[in-house]
Amino acid sequence: MTFAFLLFALVAAVNPCRLRLVLPERRGAVLLGALIALAGVAAIALAGGALLDALDISPESFRLGAAVVLALEGARSLVLARPGKEPELPGLGVALVPVAFPLLLSPGVVALAVAAGGDDVELEVLAALAVALALVLAVTLVPREERADGLLAAGGRLLGALEIAAGVALAVGAIRDV
Protein backbone atom coordinates (compact mmCIF):
# COMPACT_ATOMS: atom_id res chain seq x y z
CA MET A 1 0.00 0.00 0.00
CA THR A 2 1.36 3.37 -0.96
CA PHE A 3 1.05 6.60 0.99
CA ALA A 4 -1.21 8.02 -1.74
CA PHE A 5 -3.57 5.05 -1.52
CA LEU A 6 -3.60 5.12 2.28
CA LEU A 7 -4.36 8.85 2.23
CA PHE A 8 -7.22 8.30 -0.22
CA ALA A 9 -8.62 5.36 1.73
CA LEU A 10 -8.27 6.94 5.18
CA VAL A 11 -9.82 10.27 4.22
CA ALA A 12 -12.75 8.32 2.77
CA ALA A 13 -12.95 6.03 5.82
CA VAL A 14 -12.74 8.87 8.34
CA ASN A 15 -15.25 10.87 6.25
CA PRO A 16 -14.79 14.33 7.81
CA CYS A 17 -17.94 15.72 6.16
CA ARG A 18 -20.17 13.04 7.63
CA LEU A 19 -18.49 13.28 11.04
CA ARG A 20 -19.04 17.03 11.26
CA LEU A 21 -22.75 16.34 11.51
CA VAL A 22 -22.28 14.61 14.89
CA LEU A 23 -18.99 15.90 16.32
CA PRO A 24 -19.27 17.86 19.56
CA GLU A 25 -18.89 21.62 19.24
CA ARG A 26 -15.90 21.63 21.62
CA ARG A 27 -12.89 21.76 19.28
CA GLY A 28 -10.51 20.95 22.15
CA ALA A 29 -12.31 17.64 22.70
CA VAL A 30 -12.14 16.88 18.98
CA LEU A 31 -8.39 17.63 18.94
CA LEU A 32 -7.80 15.40 21.98
CA GLY A 33 -9.93 12.65 20.40
CA ALA A 34 -7.90 12.92 17.20
CA LEU A 35 -4.66 12.54 19.14
CA ILE A 36 -6.07 9.51 20.99
CA ALA A 37 -7.15 7.98 17.65
CA LEU A 38 -3.71 8.62 16.15
CA ALA A 39 -2.03 6.93 19.12
CA GLY A 40 -4.47 4.03 18.85
CA VAL A 41 -3.73 3.55 15.17
CA ALA A 42 0.00 3.70 15.88
CA ALA A 43 -0.36 0.87 18.40
CA ILE A 44 -2.61 -1.14 16.08
CA ALA A 45 -0.31 -0.70 13.07
CA LEU A 46 2.79 -1.61 15.09
CA ALA A 47 1.08 -4.76 16.34
CA GLY A 48 -0.59 -5.54 12.99
CA GLY A 49 2.13 -7.78 11.58
CA ALA A 50 2.46 -9.75 14.81
CA LEU A 51 -1.32 -10.07 15.08
CA LEU A 52 -1.62 -11.45 11.55
CA ASP A 53 1.26 -13.85 12.21
CA ALA A 54 -0.33 -15.04 15.47
CA LEU A 55 -3.64 -15.64 13.71
CA ASP A 56 -1.86 -17.24 10.72
CA ILE A 57 -3.50 -14.79 8.30
CA SER A 58 -1.54 -13.63 5.29
CA PRO A 59 -1.36 -9.86 4.71
CA GLU A 60 -3.05 -10.38 1.32
CA SER A 61 -5.98 -12.23 2.90
CA PHE A 62 -6.38 -9.55 5.54
CA ARG A 63 -6.30 -6.80 2.90
CA LEU A 64 -9.18 -8.59 1.19
CA GLY A 65 -11.11 -8.60 4.46
CA ALA A 66 -10.29 -4.92 5.03
CA ALA A 67 -11.60 -4.22 1.53
CA VAL A 68 -14.97 -5.73 2.44
CA VAL A 69 -15.10 -3.60 5.60
CA LEU A 70 -14.35 -0.43 3.60
CA ALA A 71 -16.98 -1.26 1.00
CA LEU A 72 -19.64 -1.92 3.65
CA GLU A 73 -18.81 1.29 5.53
CA GLY A 74 -18.94 3.24 2.30
CA ALA A 75 -22.33 1.76 1.47
CA ARG A 76 -23.59 2.76 4.93
CA SER A 77 -22.41 6.33 4.29
CA LEU A 78 -24.27 6.39 0.98
CA VAL A 79 -27.51 5.17 2.52
CA LEU A 80 -27.30 7.00 5.86
CA ALA A 81 -25.74 10.38 5.11
CA ARG A 82 -26.28 11.53 8.69
CA PRO A 83 -24.82 9.22 11.33
CA GLY A 84 -26.73 8.56 14.52
CA LYS A 85 -25.86 10.52 17.64
CA GLU A 86 -23.51 8.55 19.90
CA PRO A 87 -23.65 8.64 23.71
CA GLU A 88 -21.02 10.90 25.26
CA LEU A 89 -18.84 10.54 28.32
CA PRO A 90 -18.98 13.58 30.61
CA GLY A 91 -16.39 16.36 30.45
CA LEU A 92 -13.23 15.67 28.47
CA GLY A 93 -14.28 12.02 28.33
CA VAL A 94 -16.16 13.05 25.19
CA ALA A 95 -12.76 13.02 23.45
CA LEU A 96 -12.57 9.28 24.12
CA VAL A 97 -16.25 8.41 23.58
CA PRO A 98 -17.58 9.19 21.01
CA VAL A 99 -14.83 11.20 19.24
CA ALA A 100 -11.89 8.76 19.31
CA PHE A 101 -14.13 5.71 19.48
CA PRO A 102 -16.34 4.95 17.62
CA LEU A 103 -16.26 8.00 15.33
CA LEU A 104 -12.56 8.23 14.40
CA LEU A 105 -11.46 4.66 15.16
CA SER A 106 -14.06 3.18 12.86
CA PRO A 107 -13.81 -0.42 11.64
CA GLY A 108 -12.40 0.73 8.30
CA VAL A 109 -9.66 2.80 9.92
CA VAL A 110 -8.72 -0.07 12.25
CA ALA A 111 -8.73 -2.59 9.37
CA LEU A 112 -6.45 -0.33 7.33
CA ALA A 113 -4.12 0.06 10.32
CA VAL A 114 -3.82 -3.72 10.79
CA ALA A 115 -3.29 -4.20 7.06
CA ALA A 116 -0.61 -1.49 7.06
CA GLY A 117 1.14 -3.27 9.93
CA GLY A 118 1.03 -6.50 7.98
CA ASP A 119 2.58 -4.75 4.97
CA ASP A 120 5.22 -2.93 7.06
CA VAL A 121 3.97 0.55 6.11
CA GLU A 122 3.22 1.78 9.64
CA LEU A 123 4.73 5.24 9.13
CA GLU A 124 2.76 5.77 5.94
CA VAL A 125 -0.55 4.91 7.63
CA LEU A 126 0.24 7.29 10.51
CA ALA A 127 1.11 10.14 8.15
CA ALA A 128 -2.02 9.53 6.05
CA LEU A 129 -4.23 9.38 9.15
CA ALA A 130 -2.67 12.59 10.47
CA VAL A 131 -3.76 14.34 7.26
CA ALA A 132 -7.26 12.83 7.51
CA LEU A 133 -7.55 13.96 11.13
CA ALA A 134 -6.34 17.44 10.19
CA LEU A 135 -9.26 17.55 7.74
CA VAL A 136 -11.60 16.55 10.58
CA LEU A 137 -10.27 19.44 12.65
CA ALA A 138 -10.61 21.82 9.69
CA VAL A 139 -14.21 20.81 9.06
CA THR A 140 -15.11 21.70 12.66
CA LEU A 141 -14.70 25.32 11.54
CA VAL A 142 -17.77 24.94 9.31
CA PRO A 143 -20.69 26.49 11.19
CA ARG A 144 -23.66 24.17 11.69
CA GLU A 145 -26.73 25.46 9.90
CA GLU A 146 -29.25 23.97 7.47
CA ARG A 147 -27.44 24.80 4.22
CA ALA A 148 -24.03 23.72 5.54
CA ASP A 149 -25.50 20.50 6.92
CA GLY A 150 -26.95 19.67 3.51
CA LEU A 151 -23.58 20.20 1.87
CA LEU A 152 -21.84 18.17 4.56
CA ALA A 153 -24.30 15.32 4.05
CA ALA A 154 -23.68 15.41 0.28
CA GLY A 155 -19.92 15.44 0.89
CA GLY A 156 -20.35 12.50 3.25
CA ARG A 157 -22.14 10.54 0.52
CA LEU A 158 -19.38 11.35 -1.96
CA LEU A 159 -16.71 10.20 0.48
CA GLY A 160 -18.79 7.07 1.09
CA ALA A 161 -18.68 6.32 -2.64
CA LEU A 162 -14.92 6.90 -2.61
CA GLU A 163 -14.60 4.51 0.35
CA ILE A 164 -16.34 1.85 -1.72
CA ALA A 165 -13.88 2.56 -4.55
CA ALA A 166 -10.97 2.26 -2.10
CA GLY A 167 -12.35 -1.07 -0.92
CA VAL A 168 -12.65 -2.38 -4.46
CA ALA A 169 -9.11 -1.22 -5.31
CA LEU A 170 -7.76 -2.86 -2.15
CA ALA A 171 -9.60 -6.11 -2.98
CA VAL A 172 -8.28 -6.19 -6.54
CA GLY A 173 -4.74 -5.56 -5.30
CA ALA A 174 -5.05 -8.27 -2.66
CA ILE A 175 -6.36 -10.81 -5.17
CA ARG A 176 -3.60 -9.89 -7.62
CA ASP A 177 -0.95 -10.33 -4.88
CA VAL A 178 -2.15 -13.83 -3.91
C-alpha atoms as a PDB file:
ATOM      1  CA  MET A   1       0.000   0.000   0.000  1.00  0.00           C
ATOM      2  CA  THR A   2       1.358   3.371  -0.962  1.00  0.00           C
ATOM      3  CA  PHE A   3       1.047   6.596   0.993  1.00  0.00           C
ATOM      4  CA  ALA A   4      -1.205   8.022  -1.735  1.00  0.00           C
ATOM      5  CA  PHE A   5      -3.568   5.050  -1.521  1.00  0.00           C
ATOM      6  CA  LEU A   6      -3.600   5.125   2.284  1.00  0.00           C
ATOM      7  CA  LEU A   7      -4.363   8.850   2.230  1.00  0.00           C
ATOM      8  CA  PHE A   8      -7.221   8.299  -0.217  1.00  0.00           C
ATOM      9  CA  ALA A   9      -8.625   5.359   1.731  1.00  0.00           C
ATOM     10  CA  LEU A  10      -8.271   6.940   5.180  1.00  0.00           C
ATOM     11  CA  VAL A  11      -9.823  10.272   4.215  1.00  0.00           C
ATOM     12  CA  ALA A  12     -12.745   8.317   2.766  1.00  0.00           C
ATOM     13  CA  ALA A  13     -12.955   6.028   5.824  1.00  0.00           C
ATOM     14  CA  VAL A  14     -12.742   8.868   8.344  1.00  0.00           C
ATOM     15  CA  ASN A  15     -15.248  10.870   6.253  1.00  0.00           C
ATOM     16  CA  PRO A  16     -14.787  14.331   7.808  1.00  0.00           C
ATOM     17  CA  CYS A  17     -17.939  15.725   6.155  1.00  0.00           C
ATOM     18  CA  ARG A  18     -20.171  13.042   7.632  1.00  0.00           C
ATOM     19  CA  LEU A  19     -18.493  13.276  11.044  1.00  0.00           C
ATOM     20  CA  ARG A  20     -19.042  17.027  11.261  1.00  0.00           C
ATOM     21  CA  LEU A  21     -22.753  16.343  11.507  1.00  0.00           C
ATOM     22  CA  VAL A  22     -22.280  14.609  14.889  1.00  0.00           C
ATOM     23  CA  LEU A  23     -18.993  15.902  16.319  1.00  0.00           C
ATOM     24  CA  PRO A  24     -19.266  17.860  19.558  1.00  0.00           C
ATOM     25  CA  GLU A  25     -18.893  21.618  19.236  1.00  0.00           C
ATOM     26  CA  ARG A  26     -15.902  21.629  21.622  1.00  0.00           C
ATOM     27  CA  ARG A  27     -12.888  21.756  19.285  1.00  0.00           C
ATOM     28  CA  GLY A  28     -10.514  20.946  22.151  1.00  0.00           C
ATOM     29  CA  ALA A  29     -12.312  17.641  22.702  1.00  0.00           C
ATOM     30  CA  VAL A  30     -12.141  16.881  18.976  1.00  0.00           C
ATOM     31  CA  LEU A  31      -8.394  17.632  18.941  1.00  0.00           C
ATOM     32  CA  LEU A  32      -7.801  15.400  21.976  1.00  0.00           C
ATOM     33  CA  GLY A  33      -9.930  12.648  20.397  1.00  0.00           C
ATOM     34  CA  ALA A  34      -7.903  12.916  17.195  1.00  0.00           C
ATOM     35  CA  LEU A  35      -4.659  12.539  19.139  1.00  0.00           C
ATOM     36  CA  ILE A  36      -6.073   9.506  20.986  1.00  0.00           C
ATOM     37  CA  ALA A  37      -7.147   7.985  17.654  1.00  0.00           C
ATOM     38  CA  LEU A  38      -3.709   8.621  16.146  1.00  0.00           C
ATOM     39  CA  ALA A  39      -2.031   6.931  19.121  1.00  0.00           C
ATOM     40  CA  GLY A  40      -4.465   4.034  18.849  1.00  0.00           C
ATOM     41  CA  VAL A  41      -3.734   3.554  15.166  1.00  0.00           C
ATOM     42  CA  ALA A  42       0.002   3.703  15.881  1.00  0.00           C
ATOM     43  CA  ALA A  43      -0.359   0.871  18.400  1.00  0.00           C
ATOM     44  CA  ILE A  44      -2.611  -1.141  16.082  1.00  0.00           C
ATOM     45  CA  ALA A  45      -0.307  -0.703  13.074  1.00  0.00           C
ATOM     46  CA  LEU A  46       2.791  -1.609  15.088  1.00  0.00           C
ATOM     47  CA  ALA A  47       1.077  -4.758  16.339  1.00  0.00           C
ATOM     48  CA  GLY A  48      -0.591  -5.538  12.990  1.00  0.00           C
ATOM     49  CA  GLY A  49       2.126  -7.775  11.582  1.00  0.00           C
ATOM     50  CA  ALA A  50       2.458  -9.750  14.811  1.00  0.00           C
ATOM     51  CA  LEU A  51      -1.323 -10.072  15.080  1.00  0.00           C
ATOM     52  CA  LEU A  52      -1.621 -11.447  11.554  1.00  0.00           C
ATOM     53  CA  ASP A  53       1.261 -13.855  12.206  1.00  0.00           C
ATOM     54  CA  ALA A  54      -0.334 -15.037  15.466  1.00  0.00           C
ATOM     55  CA  LEU A  55      -3.643 -15.635  13.711  1.00  0.00           C
ATOM     56  CA  ASP A  56      -1.862 -17.239  10.718  1.00  0.00           C
ATOM     57  CA  ILE A  57      -3.502 -14.787   8.302  1.00  0.00           C
ATOM     58  CA  SER A  58      -1.538 -13.626   5.290  1.00  0.00           C
ATOM     59  CA  PRO A  59      -1.358  -9.862   4.710  1.00  0.00           C
ATOM     60  CA  GLU A  60      -3.052 -10.383   1.323  1.00  0.00           C
ATOM     61  CA  SER A  61      -5.977 -12.226   2.903  1.00  0.00           C
ATOM     62  CA  PHE A  62      -6.384  -9.545   5.541  1.00  0.00           C
ATOM     63  CA  ARG A  63      -6.302  -6.797   2.899  1.00  0.00           C
ATOM     64  CA  LEU A  64      -9.177  -8.590   1.188  1.00  0.00           C
ATOM     65  CA  GLY A  65     -11.112  -8.601   4.460  1.00  0.00           C
ATOM     66  CA  ALA A  66     -10.293  -4.923   5.035  1.00  0.00           C
ATOM     67  CA  ALA A  67     -11.601  -4.216   1.533  1.00  0.00           C
ATOM     68  CA  VAL A  68     -14.972  -5.732   2.441  1.00  0.00           C
ATOM     69  CA  VAL A  69     -15.099  -3.603   5.601  1.00  0.00           C
ATOM     70  CA  LEU A  70     -14.352  -0.434   3.602  1.00  0.00           C
ATOM     71  CA  ALA A  71     -16.978  -1.257   1.000  1.00  0.00           C
ATOM     72  CA  LEU A  72     -19.642  -1.921   3.655  1.00  0.00           C
ATOM     73  CA  GLU A  73     -18.809   1.290   5.529  1.00  0.00           C
ATOM     74  CA  GLY A  74     -18.937   3.244   2.298  1.00  0.00           C
ATOM     75  CA  ALA A  75     -22.334   1.764   1.474  1.00  0.00           C
ATOM     76  CA  ARG A  76     -23.587   2.765   4.932  1.00  0.00           C
ATOM     77  CA  SER A  77     -22.406   6.329   4.291  1.00  0.00           C
ATOM     78  CA  LEU A  78     -24.266   6.395   0.984  1.00  0.00           C
ATOM     79  CA  VAL A  79     -27.508   5.166   2.525  1.00  0.00           C
ATOM     80  CA  LEU A  80     -27.298   7.002   5.865  1.00  0.00           C
ATOM     81  CA  ALA A  81     -25.741  10.376   5.109  1.00  0.00           C
ATOM     82  CA  ARG A  82     -26.280  11.530   8.692  1.00  0.00           C
ATOM     83  CA  PRO A  83     -24.821   9.220  11.332  1.00  0.00           C
ATOM     84  CA  GLY A  84     -26.729   8.559  14.520  1.00  0.00           C
ATOM     85  CA  LYS A  85     -25.862  10.523  17.639  1.00  0.00           C
ATOM     86  CA  GLU A  86     -23.512   8.547  19.900  1.00  0.00           C
ATOM     87  CA  PRO A  87     -23.652   8.640  23.705  1.00  0.00           C
ATOM     88  CA  GLU A  88     -21.016  10.896  25.256  1.00  0.00           C
ATOM     89  CA  LEU A  89     -18.843  10.538  28.320  1.00  0.00           C
ATOM     90  CA  PRO A  90     -18.983  13.579  30.609  1.00  0.00           C
ATOM     91  CA  GLY A  91     -16.385  16.361  30.453  1.00  0.00           C
ATOM     92  CA  LEU A  92     -13.232  15.671  28.473  1.00  0.00           C
ATOM     93  CA  GLY A  93     -14.278  12.025  28.328  1.00  0.00           C
ATOM     94  CA  VAL A  94     -16.156  13.046  25.188  1.00  0.00           C
ATOM     95  CA  ALA A  95     -12.756  13.023  23.453  1.00  0.00           C
ATOM     96  CA  LEU A  96     -12.571   9.283  24.118  1.00  0.00           C
ATOM     97  CA  VAL A  97     -16.251   8.410  23.583  1.00  0.00           C
ATOM     98  CA  PRO A  98     -17.579   9.193  21.011  1.00  0.00           C
ATOM     99  CA  VAL A  99     -14.828  11.196  19.241  1.00  0.00           C
ATOM    100  CA  ALA A 100     -11.886   8.755  19.307  1.00  0.00           C
ATOM    101  CA  PHE A 101     -14.129   5.710  19.483  1.00  0.00           C
ATOM    102  CA  PRO A 102     -16.343   4.955  17.621  1.00  0.00           C
ATOM    103  CA  LEU A 103     -16.258   8.002  15.326  1.00  0.00           C
ATOM    104  CA  LEU A 104     -12.559   8.226  14.403  1.00  0.00           C
ATOM    105  CA  LEU A 105     -11.457   4.664  15.157  1.00  0.00           C
ATOM    106  CA  SER A 106     -14.060   3.180  12.856  1.00  0.00           C
ATOM    107  CA  PRO A 107     -13.812  -0.421  11.645  1.00  0.00           C
ATOM    108  CA  GLY A 108     -12.400   0.727   8.296  1.00  0.00           C
ATOM    109  CA  VAL A 109      -9.661   2.796   9.919  1.00  0.00           C
ATOM    110  CA  VAL A 110      -8.722  -0.074  12.245  1.00  0.00           C
ATOM    111  CA  ALA A 111      -8.729  -2.593   9.372  1.00  0.00           C
ATOM    112  CA  LEU A 112      -6.447  -0.330   7.326  1.00  0.00           C
ATOM    113  CA  ALA A 113      -4.118   0.057  10.323  1.00  0.00           C
ATOM    114  CA  VAL A 114      -3.817  -3.716  10.787  1.00  0.00           C
ATOM    115  CA  ALA A 115      -3.288  -4.197   7.059  1.00  0.00           C
ATOM    116  CA  ALA A 116      -0.608  -1.492   7.058  1.00  0.00           C
ATOM    117  CA  GLY A 117       1.135  -3.274   9.930  1.00  0.00           C
ATOM    118  CA  GLY A 118       1.031  -6.503   7.977  1.00  0.00           C
ATOM    119  CA  ASP A 119       2.576  -4.754   4.971  1.00  0.00           C
ATOM    120  CA  ASP A 120       5.221  -2.933   7.059  1.00  0.00           C
ATOM    121  CA  VAL A 121       3.973   0.553   6.112  1.00  0.00           C
ATOM    122  CA  GLU A 122       3.219   1.782   9.636  1.00  0.00           C
ATOM    123  CA  LEU A 123       4.729   5.240   9.130  1.00  0.00           C
ATOM    124  CA  GLU A 124       2.761   5.769   5.938  1.00  0.00           C
ATOM    125  CA  VAL A 125      -0.547   4.913   7.630  1.00  0.00           C
ATOM    126  CA  LEU A 126       0.239   7.291  10.511  1.00  0.00           C
ATOM    127  CA  ALA A 127       1.106  10.141   8.152  1.00  0.00           C
ATOM    128  CA  ALA A 128      -2.022   9.529   6.054  1.00  0.00           C
ATOM    129  CA  LEU A 129      -4.227   9.377   9.151  1.00  0.00           C
ATOM    130  CA  ALA A 130      -2.665  12.587  10.472  1.00  0.00           C
ATOM    131  CA  VAL A 131      -3.759  14.336   7.261  1.00  0.00           C
ATOM    132  CA  ALA A 132      -7.260  12.831   7.506  1.00  0.00           C
ATOM    133  CA  LEU A 133      -7.547  13.962  11.132  1.00  0.00           C
ATOM    134  CA  ALA A 134      -6.341  17.443  10.187  1.00  0.00           C
ATOM    135  CA  LEU A 135      -9.262  17.554   7.744  1.00  0.00           C
ATOM    136  CA  VAL A 136     -11.598  16.552  10.576  1.00  0.00           C
ATOM    137  CA  LEU A 137     -10.271  19.436  12.652  1.00  0.00           C
ATOM    138  CA  ALA A 138     -10.606  21.820   9.693  1.00  0.00           C
ATOM    139  CA  VAL A 139     -14.212  20.814   9.057  1.00  0.00           C
ATOM    140  CA  THR A 140     -15.111  21.698  12.658  1.00  0.00           C
ATOM    141  CA  LEU A 141     -14.699  25.321  11.541  1.00  0.00           C
ATOM    142  CA  VAL A 142     -17.767  24.939   9.305  1.00  0.00           C
ATOM    143  CA  PRO A 143     -20.692  26.488  11.192  1.00  0.00           C
ATOM    144  CA  ARG A 144     -23.658  24.167  11.689  1.00  0.00           C
ATOM    145  CA  GLU A 145     -26.734  25.455   9.899  1.00  0.00           C
ATOM    146  CA  GLU A 146     -29.254  23.970   7.473  1.00  0.00           C
ATOM    147  CA  ARG A 147     -27.437  24.803   4.217  1.00  0.00           C
ATOM    148  CA  ALA A 148     -24.032  23.721   5.538  1.00  0.00           C
ATOM    149  CA  ASP A 149     -25.497  20.495   6.924  1.00  0.00           C
ATOM    150  CA  GLY A 150     -26.954  19.672   3.506  1.00  0.00           C
ATOM    151  CA  LEU A 151     -23.583  20.204   1.868  1.00  0.00           C
ATOM    152  CA  LEU A 152     -21.837  18.170   4.561  1.00  0.00           C
ATOM    153  CA  ALA A 153     -24.300  15.318   4.050  1.00  0.00           C
ATOM    154  CA  ALA A 154     -23.683  15.414   0.281  1.00  0.00           C
ATOM    155  CA  GLY A 155     -19.915  15.445   0.887  1.00  0.00           C
ATOM    156  CA  GLY A 156     -20.350  12.495   3.249  1.00  0.00           C
ATOM    157  CA  ARG A 157     -22.136  10.543   0.523  1.00  0.00           C
ATOM    158  CA  LEU A 158     -19.381  11.354  -1.963  1.00  0.00           C
ATOM    159  CA  LEU A 159     -16.709  10.205   0.484  1.00  0.00           C
ATOM    160  CA  GLY A 160     -18.793   7.066   1.090  1.00  0.00           C
ATOM    161  CA  ALA A 161     -18.679   6.320  -2.636  1.00  0.00           C
ATOM    162  CA  LEU A 162     -14.921   6.903  -2.609  1.00  0.00           C
ATOM    163  CA  GLU A 163     -14.605   4.515   0.348  1.00  0.00           C
ATOM    164  CA  ILE A 164     -16.337   1.846  -1.719  1.00  0.00           C
ATOM    165  CA  ALA A 165     -13.876   2.559  -4.552  1.00  0.00           C
ATOM    166  CA  ALA A 166     -10.965   2.260  -2.102  1.00  0.00           C
ATOM    167  CA  GLY A 167     -12.349  -1.070  -0.920  1.00  0.00           C
ATOM    168  CA  VAL A 168     -12.650  -2.381  -4.465  1.00  0.00           C
ATOM    169  CA  ALA A 169      -9.110  -1.219  -5.306  1.00  0.00           C
ATOM    170  CA  LEU A 170      -7.764  -2.856  -2.146  1.00  0.00           C
ATOM    171  CA  ALA A 171      -9.597  -6.108  -2.977  1.00  0.00           C
ATOM    172  CA  VAL A 172      -8.276  -6.188  -6.539  1.00  0.00           C
ATOM    173  CA  GLY A 173      -4.744  -5.564  -5.304  1.00  0.00           C
ATOM    174  CA  ALA A 174      -5.047  -8.269  -2.662  1.00  0.00           C
ATOM    175  CA  ILE A 175      -6.359 -10.806  -5.167  1.00  0.00           C
ATOM    176  CA  ARG A 176      -3.598  -9.889  -7.623  1.00  0.00           C
ATOM    177  CA  ASP A 177      -0.949 -10.333  -4.876  1.00  0.00           C
ATOM    178  CA  VAL A 178      -2.153 -13.828  -3.911  1.00  0.00           C
END
